Amino acid sequence: MNIVIKLILVALASVFPKFKMGYGVFLIILMSFVSLFCFFAAYADYTFGEPAWIVRNEILLGIGASVIGWVLGTALMRQAARHEAMMEANLDEYERKRDTKKH
C-alpha cells in the first residue's frame, strides 16, 4: 500500500508542476515540524537531566531534518519552475507551428 501512495505522488509530480511546487512547500513545512519536535525533545531531555550525548544527538537530528527539508523542498520548487517554463515554451512552439500550417 505504501508503494502505491509513492507511485501516485511521483505520477502527480511528473505531470503537474504546480503539484510539485506544493509538494516542495509541504516538505519544507513537514521537516520544519520534525525539526521543531527534535528541538523540543532536546530541551525536555536537558531539563530532566538526560545525558549530554542524547541532547546533542537530538539537536543534530533537528538541524539535519531542517537542512534536508529545505534542500529537498527548494530543489523540488526549482524543478517545478523549470518544468513549468519548459511546458510553456513547448506550448508556444506548438501554437506557432499550428498557426504556420494554417496559412
PDB file of N, CA and C in Angstrom:
ATOM      1  N   MET A   1       0.818  -1.192   0.000  1.00  0.00           N
ATOM      2  CA  MET A   1       0.000   0.000   0.000  1.00  0.00           C
ATOM      3  C   MET A   1       0.865   1.260   0.000  1.00  0.00           C
ATOM      4  N   ASN A   2       1.973   1.199   0.730  1.00  0.00           N
ATOM      5  CA  ASN A   2       2.860   2.350   0.827  1.00  0.00           C
ATOM      6  C   ASN A   2       3.485   2.661  -0.526  1.00  0.00           C
ATOM      7  N   ILE A   3       3.832   1.632  -1.294  1.00  0.00           N
ATOM      8  CA  ILE A   3       4.433   1.843  -2.606  1.00  0.00           C
ATOM      9  C   ILE A   3       3.438   2.461  -3.572  1.00  0.00           C
ATOM     10  N   VAL A   4       2.159   2.130  -3.417  1.00  0.00           N
ATOM     11  CA  VAL A   4       1.122   2.692  -4.282  1.00  0.00           C
ATOM     12  C   VAL A   4       1.005   4.192  -4.044  1.00  0.00           C
ATOM     13  N   ILE A   5       1.048   4.609  -2.801  1.00  0.00           N
ATOM     14  CA  ILE A   5       0.978   6.031  -2.464  1.00  0.00           C
ATOM     15  C   ILE A   5       2.180   6.771  -3.048  1.00  0.00           C
ATOM     16  N   LYS A   6       3.363   6.182  -2.941  1.00  0.00           N
ATOM     17  CA  LYS A   6       4.556   6.812  -3.501  1.00  0.00           C
ATOM     18  C   LYS A   6       4.462   6.923  -5.015  1.00  0.00           C
ATOM     19  N   LEU A   7       3.957   5.886  -5.663  1.00  0.00           N
ATOM     20  CA  LEU A   7       3.809   5.928  -7.116  1.00  0.00           C
ATOM     21  C   LEU A   7       2.813   6.999  -7.544  1.00  0.00           C
ATOM     22  N   ILE A   8       1.741   7.149  -6.784  1.00  0.00           N
ATOM     23  CA  ILE A   8       0.754   8.187  -7.096  1.00  0.00           C
ATOM     24  C   ILE A   8       1.373   9.577  -6.948  1.00  0.00           C
ATOM     25  N   LEU A   9       2.150   9.796  -5.875  1.00  0.00           N
ATOM     26  CA  LEU A   9       2.812  11.092  -5.671  1.00  0.00           C
ATOM     27  C   LEU A   9       3.798  11.398  -6.797  1.00  0.00           C
ATOM     28  N   VAL A  10       4.570  10.395  -7.197  1.00  0.00           N
ATOM     29  CA  VAL A  10       5.547  10.600  -8.270  1.00  0.00           C
ATOM     30  C   VAL A  10       4.832  10.887  -9.592  1.00  0.00           C
ATOM     31  N   ALA A  11       3.738  10.164  -9.851  1.00  0.00           N
ATOM     32  CA  ALA A  11       2.990  10.393 -11.094  1.00  0.00           C
ATOM     33  C   ALA A  11       2.384  11.791 -11.127  1.00  0.00           C
ATOM     34  N   LEU A  12       1.793  12.214 -10.017  1.00  0.00           N
ATOM     35  CA  LEU A  12       1.217  13.561  -9.969  1.00  0.00           C
ATOM     36  C   LEU A  12       2.296  14.632 -10.123  1.00  0.00           C
ATOM     37  N   ALA A  13       3.440  14.409  -9.493  1.00  0.00           N
ATOM     38  CA  ALA A  13       4.518  15.395  -9.575  1.00  0.00           C
ATOM     39  C   ALA A  13       5.114  15.463 -10.971  1.00  0.00           C
ATOM     40  N   SER A  14       5.120  14.348 -11.692  1.00  0.00           N
ATOM     41  CA  SER A  14       5.697  14.378 -13.031  1.00  0.00           C
ATOM     42  C   SER A  14       4.767  15.031 -14.040  1.00  0.00           C
ATOM     43  N   VAL A  15       3.462  15.012 -13.792  1.00  0.00           N
ATOM     44  CA  VAL A  15       2.503  15.574 -14.740  1.00  0.00           C
ATOM     45  C   VAL A  15       2.186  17.040 -14.436  1.00  0.00           C
ATOM     46  N   PHE A  16       2.009  17.367 -13.158  1.00  0.00           N
ATOM     47  CA  PHE A  16       1.575  18.708 -12.767  1.00  0.00           C
ATOM     48  C   PHE A  16       2.690  19.448 -12.030  1.00  0.00           C
ATOM     49  N   PRO A  17       3.265  20.498 -12.643  1.00  0.00           N
ATOM     50  CA  PRO A  17       4.315  21.237 -11.953  1.00  0.00           C
ATOM     51  C   PRO A  17       3.811  21.968 -10.709  1.00  0.00           C
ATOM     52  N   LYS A  18       2.552  22.397 -10.713  1.00  0.00           N
ATOM     53  CA  LYS A  18       2.019  23.076  -9.522  1.00  0.00           C
ATOM     54  C   LYS A  18       1.954  22.110  -8.336  1.00  0.00           C
ATOM     55  N   PHE A  19       1.661  20.834  -8.602  1.00  0.00           N
ATOM     56  CA  PHE A  19       1.657  19.838  -7.528  1.00  0.00           C
ATOM     57  C   PHE A  19       3.057  19.665  -6.970  1.00  0.00           C
ATOM     58  N   LYS A  20       4.046  19.664  -7.856  1.00  0.00           N
ATOM     59  CA  LYS A  20       5.435  19.522  -7.407  1.00  0.00           C
ATOM     60  C   LYS A  20       5.839  20.717  -6.555  1.00  0.00           C
ATOM     61  N   MET A  21       5.374  21.905  -6.946  1.00  0.00           N
ATOM     62  CA  MET A  21       5.662  23.115  -6.180  1.00  0.00           C
ATOM     63  C   MET A  21       5.028  23.014  -4.789  1.00  0.00           C
ATOM     64  N   GLY A  22       3.779  22.607  -4.741  1.00  0.00           N
ATOM     65  CA  GLY A  22       3.095  22.448  -3.455  1.00  0.00           C
ATOM     66  C   GLY A  22       3.714  21.362  -2.602  1.00  0.00           C
ATOM     67  N   TYR A  23       4.161  20.288  -3.239  1.00  0.00           N
ATOM     68  CA  TYR A  23       4.802  19.197  -2.504  1.00  0.00           C
ATOM     69  C   TYR A  23       6.122  19.662  -1.901  1.00  0.00           C
ATOM     70  N   GLY A  24       6.847  20.529  -2.621  1.00  0.00           N
ATOM     71  CA  GLY A  24       8.091  21.083  -2.080  1.00  0.00           C
ATOM     72  C   GLY A  24       7.835  21.944  -0.854  1.00  0.00           C
ATOM     73  N   VAL A  25       6.802  22.777  -0.921  1.00  0.00           N
ATOM     74  CA  VAL A  25       6.442  23.607   0.241  1.00  0.00           C
ATOM     75  C   VAL A  25       5.997  22.719   1.408  1.00  0.00           C
ATOM     76  N   PHE A  26       5.194  21.698   1.101  1.00  0.00           N
ATOM     77  CA  PHE A  26       4.743  20.764   2.133  1.00  0.00           C
ATOM     78  C   PHE A  26       5.929  20.061   2.780  1.00  0.00           C
ATOM     79  N   LEU A  27       6.928  19.676   1.979  1.00  0.00           N
ATOM     80  CA  LEU A  27       8.108  19.000   2.515  1.00  0.00           C
ATOM     81  C   LEU A  27       8.891  19.918   3.443  1.00  0.00           C
ATOM     82  N   ILE A  28       9.010  21.180   3.079  1.00  0.00           N
ATOM     83  CA  ILE A  28       9.716  22.132   3.950  1.00  0.00           C
ATOM     84  C   ILE A  28       8.976  22.281   5.274  1.00  0.00           C
ATOM     85  N   ILE A  29       7.662  22.422   5.212  1.00  0.00           N
ATOM     86  CA  ILE A  29       6.870  22.593   6.434  1.00  0.00           C
ATOM     87  C   ILE A  29       6.926  21.340   7.295  1.00  0.00           C
ATOM     88  N   LEU A  30       6.806  20.166   6.669  1.00  0.00           N
ATOM     89  CA  LEU A  30       6.841  18.910   7.419  1.00  0.00           C
ATOM     90  C   LEU A  30       8.179  18.720   8.123  1.00  0.00           C
ATOM     91  N   MET A  31       9.261  18.948   7.404  1.00  0.00           N
ATOM     92  CA  MET A  31      10.573  18.761   8.014  1.00  0.00           C
ATOM     93  C   MET A  31      10.861  19.839   9.060  1.00  0.00           C
ATOM     94  N   SER A  32      10.269  20.997   8.928  1.00  0.00           N
ATOM     95  CA  SER A  32      10.410  22.016   9.972  1.00  0.00           C
ATOM     96  C   SER A  32       9.708  21.575  11.251  1.00  0.00           C
ATOM     97  N   PHE A  33       8.552  20.928  11.100  1.00  0.00           N
ATOM     98  CA  PHE A  33       7.869  20.398  12.282  1.00  0.00           C
ATOM     99  C   PHE A  33       8.649  19.248  12.924  1.00  0.00           C
ATOM    100  N   VAL A  34       9.269  18.403  12.108  1.00  0.00           N
ATOM    101  CA  VAL A  34      10.112  17.333  12.644  1.00  0.00           C
ATOM    102  C   VAL A  34      11.287  17.943  13.398  1.00  0.00           C
ATOM    103  N   SER A  35      11.872  18.981  12.827  1.00  0.00           N
ATOM    104  CA  SER A  35      12.977  19.673  13.478  1.00  0.00           C
ATOM    105  C   SER A  35      12.529  20.310  14.796  1.00  0.00           C
ATOM    106  N   LEU A  36      11.359  20.929  14.768  1.00  0.00           N
ATOM    107  CA  LEU A  36      10.818  21.537  15.981  1.00  0.00           C
ATOM    108  C   LEU A  36      10.598  20.491  17.070  1.00  0.00           C
ATOM    109  N   PHE A  37      10.079  19.326  16.680  1.00  0.00           N
ATOM    110  CA  PHE A  37       9.873  18.247  17.646  1.00  0.00           C
ATOM    111  C   PHE A  37      11.206  17.782  18.231  1.00  0.00           C
ATOM    112  N   CYS A  38      12.234  17.673  17.399  1.00  0.00           N
ATOM    113  CA  CYS A  38      13.546  17.247  17.895  1.00  0.00           C
ATOM    114  C   CYS A  38      14.120  18.273  18.868  1.00  0.00           C
ATOM    115  N   PHE A  39      13.966  19.558  18.552  1.00  0.00           N
ATOM    116  CA  PHE A  39      14.465  20.589  19.454  1.00  0.00           C
ATOM    117  C   PHE A  39      13.687  20.602  20.774  1.00  0.00           C
ATOM    118  N   PHE A  40      12.387  20.389  20.701  1.00  0.00           N
ATOM    119  CA  PHE A  40      11.593  20.319  21.928  1.00  0.00           C
ATOM    120  C   PHE A  40      11.996  19.113  22.766  1.00  0.00           C
ATOM    121  N   ALA A  41      12.240  17.979  22.102  1.00  0.00           N
ATOM    122  CA  ALA A  41      12.680  16.787  22.833  1.00  0.00           C
ATOM    123  C   ALA A  41      14.040  17.021  23.476  1.00  0.00           C
ATOM    124  N   ALA A  42      14.940  17.717  22.776  1.00  0.00           N
ATOM    125  CA  ALA A  42      16.252  18.020  23.348  1.00  0.00           C
ATOM    126  C   ALA A  42      16.117  18.930  24.562  1.00  0.00           C
ATOM    127  N   TYR A  43      15.233  19.921  24.471  1.00  0.00           N
ATOM    128  CA  TYR A  43      15.016  20.816  25.606  1.00  0.00           C
ATOM    129  C   TYR A  43      14.429  20.056  26.804  1.00  0.00           C
ATOM    130  N   ALA A  44      13.442  19.192  26.513  1.00  0.00           N
ATOM    131  CA  ALA A  44      12.826  18.417  27.597  1.00  0.00           C
ATOM    132  C   ALA A  44      13.835  17.462  28.231  1.00  0.00           C
ATOM    133  N   ASP A  45      14.643  16.814  27.411  1.00  0.00           N
ATOM    134  CA  ASP A  45      15.648  15.901  27.969  1.00  0.00           C
ATOM    135  C   ASP A  45      16.708  16.648  28.751  1.00  0.00           C
ATOM    136  N   TYR A  46      17.094  17.827  28.289  1.00  0.00           N
ATOM    137  CA  TYR A  46      18.068  18.626  29.021  1.00  0.00           C
ATOM    138  C   TYR A  46      17.494  19.054  30.378  1.00  0.00           C
ATOM    139  N   THR A  47      16.208  19.418  30.372  1.00  0.00           N
ATOM    140  CA  THR A  47      15.563  19.849  31.612  1.00  0.00           C
ATOM    141  C   THR A  47      15.470  18.714  32.621  1.00  0.00           C
ATOM    142  N   PHE A  48      15.201  17.504  32.124  1.00  0.00           N
ATOM    143  CA  PHE A  48      15.034  16.365  33.028  1.00  0.00           C
ATOM    144  C   PHE A  48      16.330  15.638  33.321  1.00  0.00           C
ATOM    145  N   GLY A  49      17.456  16.176  32.892  1.00  0.00           N
ATOM    146  CA  GLY A  49      18.757  15.657  33.300  1.00  0.00           C
ATOM    147  C   GLY A  49      19.246  14.450  32.527  1.00  0.00           C
ATOM    148  N   GLU A  50      18.861  14.316  31.288  1.00  0.00           N
ATOM    149  CA  GLU A  50      19.378  13.206  30.478  1.00  0.00           C
ATOM    150  C   GLU A  50      20.846  13.471  30.137  1.00  0.00           C
ATOM    151  N   PRO A  51      21.571  12.429  29.743  1.00  0.00           N
ATOM    152  CA  PRO A  51      22.984  12.623  29.390  1.00  0.00           C
ATOM    153  C   PRO A  51      23.154  13.599  28.218  1.00  0.00           C
ATOM    154  N   ALA A  52      24.310  14.248  28.195  1.00  0.00           N
ATOM    155  CA  ALA A  52      24.578  15.288  27.186  1.00  0.00           C
ATOM    156  C   ALA A  52      24.595  14.718  25.770  1.00  0.00           C
ATOM    157  N   TRP A  53      25.027  13.465  25.609  1.00  0.00           N
ATOM    158  CA  TRP A  53      25.100  12.906  24.253  1.00  0.00           C
ATOM    159  C   TRP A  53      23.714  12.706  23.646  1.00  0.00           C
ATOM    160  N   ILE A  54      22.714  12.453  24.474  1.00  0.00           N
ATOM    161  CA  ILE A  54      21.340  12.315  23.971  1.00  0.00           C
ATOM    162  C   ILE A  54      20.836  13.674  23.483  1.00  0.00           C
ATOM    163  N   VAL A  55      21.068  14.700  24.286  1.00  0.00           N
ATOM    164  CA  VAL A  55      20.636  16.047  23.911  1.00  0.00           C
ATOM    165  C   VAL A  55      21.365  16.496  22.646  1.00  0.00           C
ATOM    166  N   ARG A  56      22.672  16.238  22.566  1.00  0.00           N
ATOM    167  CA  ARG A  56      23.447  16.614  21.387  1.00  0.00           C
ATOM    168  C   ARG A  56      22.922  15.909  20.134  1.00  0.00           C
ATOM    169  N   ASN A  57      22.629  14.607  20.244  1.00  0.00           N
ATOM    170  CA  ASN A  57      22.131  13.866  19.089  1.00  0.00           C
ATOM    171  C   ASN A  57      20.754  14.361  18.647  1.00  0.00           C
ATOM    172  N   GLU A  58      19.906  14.736  19.586  1.00  0.00           N
ATOM    173  CA  GLU A  58      18.592  15.276  19.230  1.00  0.00           C
ATOM    174  C   GLU A  58      18.727  16.627  18.532  1.00  0.00           C
ATOM    175  N   ILE A  59      19.658  17.450  18.990  1.00  0.00           N
ATOM    176  CA  ILE A  59      19.890  18.744  18.343  1.00  0.00           C
ATOM    177  C   ILE A  59      20.435  18.537  16.929  1.00  0.00           C
ATOM    178  N   LEU A  60      21.377  17.609  16.778  1.00  0.00           N
ATOM    179  CA  LEU A  60      21.918  17.331  15.447  1.00  0.00           C
ATOM    180  C   LEU A  60      20.858  16.754  14.520  1.00  0.00           C
ATOM    181  N   LEU A  61      19.997  15.914  15.047  1.00  0.00           N
ATOM    182  CA  LEU A  61      18.908  15.365  14.249  1.00  0.00           C
ATOM    183  C   LEU A  61      17.947  16.479  13.812  1.00  0.00           C
ATOM    184  N   GLY A  62      17.666  17.408  14.696  1.00  0.00           N
ATOM    185  CA  GLY A  62      16.803  18.538  14.359  1.00  0.00           C
ATOM    186  C   GLY A  62      17.410  19.421  13.288  1.00  0.00           C
ATOM    187  N   ILE A  63      18.693  19.715  13.411  1.00  0.00           N
ATOM    188  CA  ILE A  63      19.373  20.527  12.397  1.00  0.00           C
ATOM    189  C   ILE A  63      19.404  19.786  11.070  1.00  0.00           C
ATOM    190  N   GLY A  64      19.694  18.498  11.111  1.00  0.00           N
ATOM    191  CA  GLY A  64      19.733  17.692   9.889  1.00  0.00           C
ATOM    192  C   GLY A  64      18.377  17.627   9.199  1.00  0.00           C
ATOM    193  N   ALA A  65      17.314  17.450   9.971  1.00  0.00           N
ATOM    194  CA  ALA A  65      15.968  17.402   9.388  1.00  0.00           C
ATOM    195  C   ALA A  65      15.614  18.736   8.748  1.00  0.00           C
ATOM    196  N   SER A  66      15.977  19.820   9.384  1.00  0.00           N
ATOM    197  CA  SER A  66      15.683  21.137   8.825  1.00  0.00           C
ATOM    198  C   SER A  66      16.448  21.365   7.519  1.00  0.00           C
ATOM    199  N   VAL A  67      17.720  21.034   7.508  1.00  0.00           N
ATOM    200  CA  VAL A  67      18.543  21.224   6.306  1.00  0.00           C
ATOM    201  C   VAL A  67      18.036  20.339   5.174  1.00  0.00           C
ATOM    202  N   ILE A  68      17.733  19.080   5.461  1.00  0.00           N
ATOM    203  CA  ILE A  68      17.235  18.166   4.437  1.00  0.00           C
ATOM    204  C   ILE A  68      15.911  18.671   3.872  1.00  0.00           C
ATOM    205  N   GLY A  69      15.027  19.126   4.736  1.00  0.00           N
ATOM    206  CA  GLY A  69      13.741  19.643   4.276  1.00  0.00           C
ATOM    207  C   GLY A  69      13.899  20.844   3.368  1.00  0.00           C
ATOM    208  N   TRP A  70      14.756  21.780   3.750  1.00  0.00           N
ATOM    209  CA  TRP A  70      14.938  22.976   2.934  1.00  0.00           C
ATOM    210  C   TRP A  70      15.619  22.664   1.609  1.00  0.00           C
ATOM    211  N   VAL A  71      16.614  21.786   1.636  1.00  0.00           N
ATOM    212  CA  VAL A  71      17.328  21.456   0.401  1.00  0.00           C
ATOM    213  C   VAL A  71      16.394  20.727  -0.569  1.00  0.00           C
ATOM    214  N   LEU A  72      15.698  19.694  -0.085  1.00  0.00           N
ATOM    215  CA  LEU A  72      14.802  18.952  -0.964  1.00  0.00           C
ATOM    216  C   LEU A  72      13.614  19.794  -1.412  1.00  0.00           C
ATOM    217  N   GLY A  73      13.072  20.593  -0.508  1.00  0.00           N
ATOM    218  CA  GLY A  73      11.929  21.434  -0.855  1.00  0.00           C
ATOM    219  C   GLY A  73      12.271  22.476  -1.904  1.00  0.00           C
ATOM    220  N   THR A  74      13.394  23.162  -1.731  1.00  0.00           N
ATOM    221  CA  THR A  74      13.777  24.168  -2.724  1.00  0.00           C
ATOM    222  C   THR A  74      14.166  23.514  -4.045  1.00  0.00           C
ATOM    223  N   ALA A  75      14.762  22.325  -3.993  1.00  0.00           N
ATOM    224  CA  ALA A  75      15.086  21.622  -5.240  1.00  0.00           C
ATOM    225  C   ALA A  75      13.810  21.248  -5.990  1.00  0.00           C
ATOM    226  N   LEU A  76      12.807  20.772  -5.272  1.00  0.00           N
ATOM    227  CA  LEU A  76      11.538  20.447  -5.924  1.00  0.00           C
ATOM    228  C   LEU A  76      10.872  21.686  -6.506  1.00  0.00           C
ATOM    229  N   MET A  77      10.913  22.783  -5.783  1.00  0.00           N
ATOM    230  CA  MET A  77      10.289  24.006  -6.287  1.00  0.00           C
ATOM    231  C   MET A  77      11.024  24.556  -7.506  1.00  0.00           C
ATOM    232  N   ARG A  78      12.357  24.484  -7.509  1.00  0.00           N
ATOM    233  CA  ARG A  78      13.121  24.921  -8.683  1.00  0.00           C
ATOM    234  C   ARG A  78      12.833  24.024  -9.879  1.00  0.00           C
ATOM    235  N   GLN A  79      12.774  22.729  -9.624  1.00  0.00           N
ATOM    236  CA  GLN A  79      12.477  21.788 -10.695  1.00  0.00           C
ATOM    237  C   GLN A  79      11.077  22.039 -11.261  1.00  0.00           C
ATOM    238  N   ALA A  80      10.146  22.348 -10.395  1.00  0.00           N
ATOM    239  CA  ALA A  80       8.783  22.639 -10.853  1.00  0.00           C
ATOM    240  C   ALA A  80       8.749  23.905 -11.698  1.00  0.00           C
ATOM    241  N   ALA A  81       9.503  24.916 -11.299  1.00  0.00           N
ATOM    242  CA  ALA A  81       9.536  26.158 -12.078  1.00  0.00           C
ATOM    243  C   ALA A  81      10.145  25.912 -13.458  1.00  0.00           C
ATOM    244  N   ARG A  82      11.218  25.125 -13.525  1.00  0.00           N
ATOM    245  CA  ARG A  82      11.821  24.802 -14.825  1.00  0.00           C
ATOM    246  C   ARG A  82      10.878  23.972 -15.678  1.00  0.00           C
ATOM    247  N   HIS A  83      10.188  23.015 -15.056  1.00  0.00           N
ATOM    248  CA  HIS A  83       9.241  22.174 -15.776  1.00  0.00           C
ATOM    249  C   HIS A  83       8.094  23.009 -16.339  1.00  0.00           C
ATOM    250  N   GLU A  84       7.604  23.939 -15.542  1.00  0.00           N
ATOM    251  CA  GLU A  84       6.514  24.806 -15.993  1.00  0.00           C
ATOM    252  C   GLU A  84       6.967  25.700 -17.147  1.00  0.00           C
ATOM    253  N   ALA A  85       8.178  26.238 -17.059  1.00  0.00           N
ATOM    254  CA  ALA A  85       8.703  27.076 -18.140  1.00  0.00           C
ATOM    255  C   ALA A  85       8.904  26.255 -19.409  1.00  0.00           C
ATOM    256  N   MET A  86       9.361  25.021 -19.245  1.00  0.00           N
ATOM    257  CA  MET A  86       9.560  24.158 -20.403  1.00  0.00           C
ATOM    258  C   MET A  86       8.227  23.813 -21.062  1.00  0.00           C
ATOM    259  N   MET A  87       7.218  23.533 -20.253  1.00  0.00           N
ATOM    260  CA  MET A  87       5.902  23.224 -20.807  1.00  0.00           C
ATOM    261  C   MET A  87       5.328  24.444 -21.534  1.00  0.00           C
ATOM    262  N   GLU A  88       5.528  25.629 -20.970  1.00  0.00           N
ATOM    263  CA  GLU A  88       5.024  26.852 -21.595  1.00  0.00           C
ATOM    264  C   GLU A  88       5.750  27.123 -22.913  1.00  0.00           C
ATOM    265  N   ALA A  89       7.052  26.884 -22.943  1.00  0.00           N
ATOM    266  CA  ALA A  89       7.816  27.089 -24.174  1.00  0.00           C
ATOM    267  C   ALA A  89       7.370  26.100 -25.250  1.00  0.00           C
ATOM    268  N   ASN A  90       7.138  24.858 -24.863  1.00  0.00           N
ATOM    269  CA  ASN A  90       6.670  23.863 -25.832  1.00  0.00           C
ATOM    270  C   ASN A  90       5.276  24.208 -26.340  1.00  0.00           C
ATOM    271  N   LEU A  91       4.435  24.741 -25.479  1.00  0.00           N
ATOM    272  CA  LEU A  91       3.092  25.130 -25.895  1.00  0.00           C
ATOM    273  C   LEU A  91       3.162  26.284 -26.884  1.00  0.00           C
ATOM    274  N   ASP A  92       4.035  27.259 -26.631  1.00  0.00           N
ATOM    275  CA  ASP A  92       4.205  28.375 -27.564  1.00  0.00           C
ATOM    276  C   ASP A  92       4.712  27.879 -28.915  1.00  0.00           C
ATOM    277  N   GLU A  93       5.663  26.950 -28.883  1.00  0.00           N
ATOM    278  CA  GLU A  93       6.200  26.397 -30.120  1.00  0.00           C
ATOM    279  C   GLU A  93       5.123  25.621 -30.882  1.00  0.00           C
ATOM    280  N   TYR A  94       4.319  24.857 -30.158  1.00  0.00           N
ATOM    281  CA  TYR A  94       3.235  24.107 -30.792  1.00  0.00           C
ATOM    282  C   TYR A  94       2.228  25.053 -31.446  1.00  0.00           C
ATOM    283  N   GLU A  95       1.858  26.135 -30.750  1.00  0.00           N
ATOM    284  CA  GLU A  95       0.905  27.097 -31.312  1.00  0.00           C
ATOM    285  C   GLU A  95       1.485  27.798 -32.537  1.00  0.00           C
ATOM    286  N   ARG A  96       2.773  28.095 -32.506  1.00  0.00           N
ATOM    287  CA  ARG A  96       3.421  28.740 -33.638  1.00  0.00           C
ATOM    288  C   ARG A  96       3.417  27.804 -34.857  1.00  0.00           C
ATOM    289  N   LYS A  97       3.737  26.523 -34.638  1.00  0.00           N
ATOM    290  CA  LYS A  97       3.725  25.559 -35.738  1.00  0.00           C
ATOM    291  C   LYS A  97       2.321  25.359 -36.285  1.00  0.00           C
ATOM    292  N   ARG A  98       1.338  25.337 -35.388  1.00  0.00           N
ATOM    293  CA  ARG A  98      -0.051  25.155 -35.807  1.00  0.00           C
ATOM    294  C   ARG A  98      -0.507  26.342 -36.646  1.00  0.00           C
ATOM    295  N   ASP A  99      -0.119  27.547 -36.250  1.00  0.00           N
ATOM    296  CA  ASP A  99      -0.520  28.743 -36.997  1.00  0.00           C
ATOM    297  C   ASP A  99       0.156  28.808 -38.365  1.00  0.00           C
ATOM    298  N   THR A 100       1.392  28.355 -38.468  1.00  0.00           N
ATOM    299  CA  THR A 100       2.068  28.381 -39.770  1.00  0.00           C
ATOM    300  C   THR A 100       1.496  27.334 -40.713  1.00  0.00           C
ATOM    301  N   LYS A 101       0.977  26.237 -40.214  1.00  0.00           N
ATOM    302  CA  LYS A 101       0.380  25.216 -41.061  1.00  0.00           C
ATOM    303  C   LYS A 101      -0.964  25.679 -41.620  1.00  0.00           C
ATOM    304  N   LYS A 102      -1.666  26.525 -40.879  1.00  0.00           N
ATOM    305  CA  LYS A 102      -2.978  27.012 -41.333  1.00  0.00           C
ATOM    306  C   LYS A 102      -2.822  27.984 -42.496  1.00  0.00           C
ATOM    307  N   HIS A 103      -1.748  28.753 -42.519  1.00  0.00           N
ATOM    308  CA  HIS A 103      -1.608  29.811 -43.545  1.00  0.00           C
ATOM    309  C   HIS A 103      -0.778  29.365 -44.684  1.00  0.00           C
TER     310      HIS A 103
END
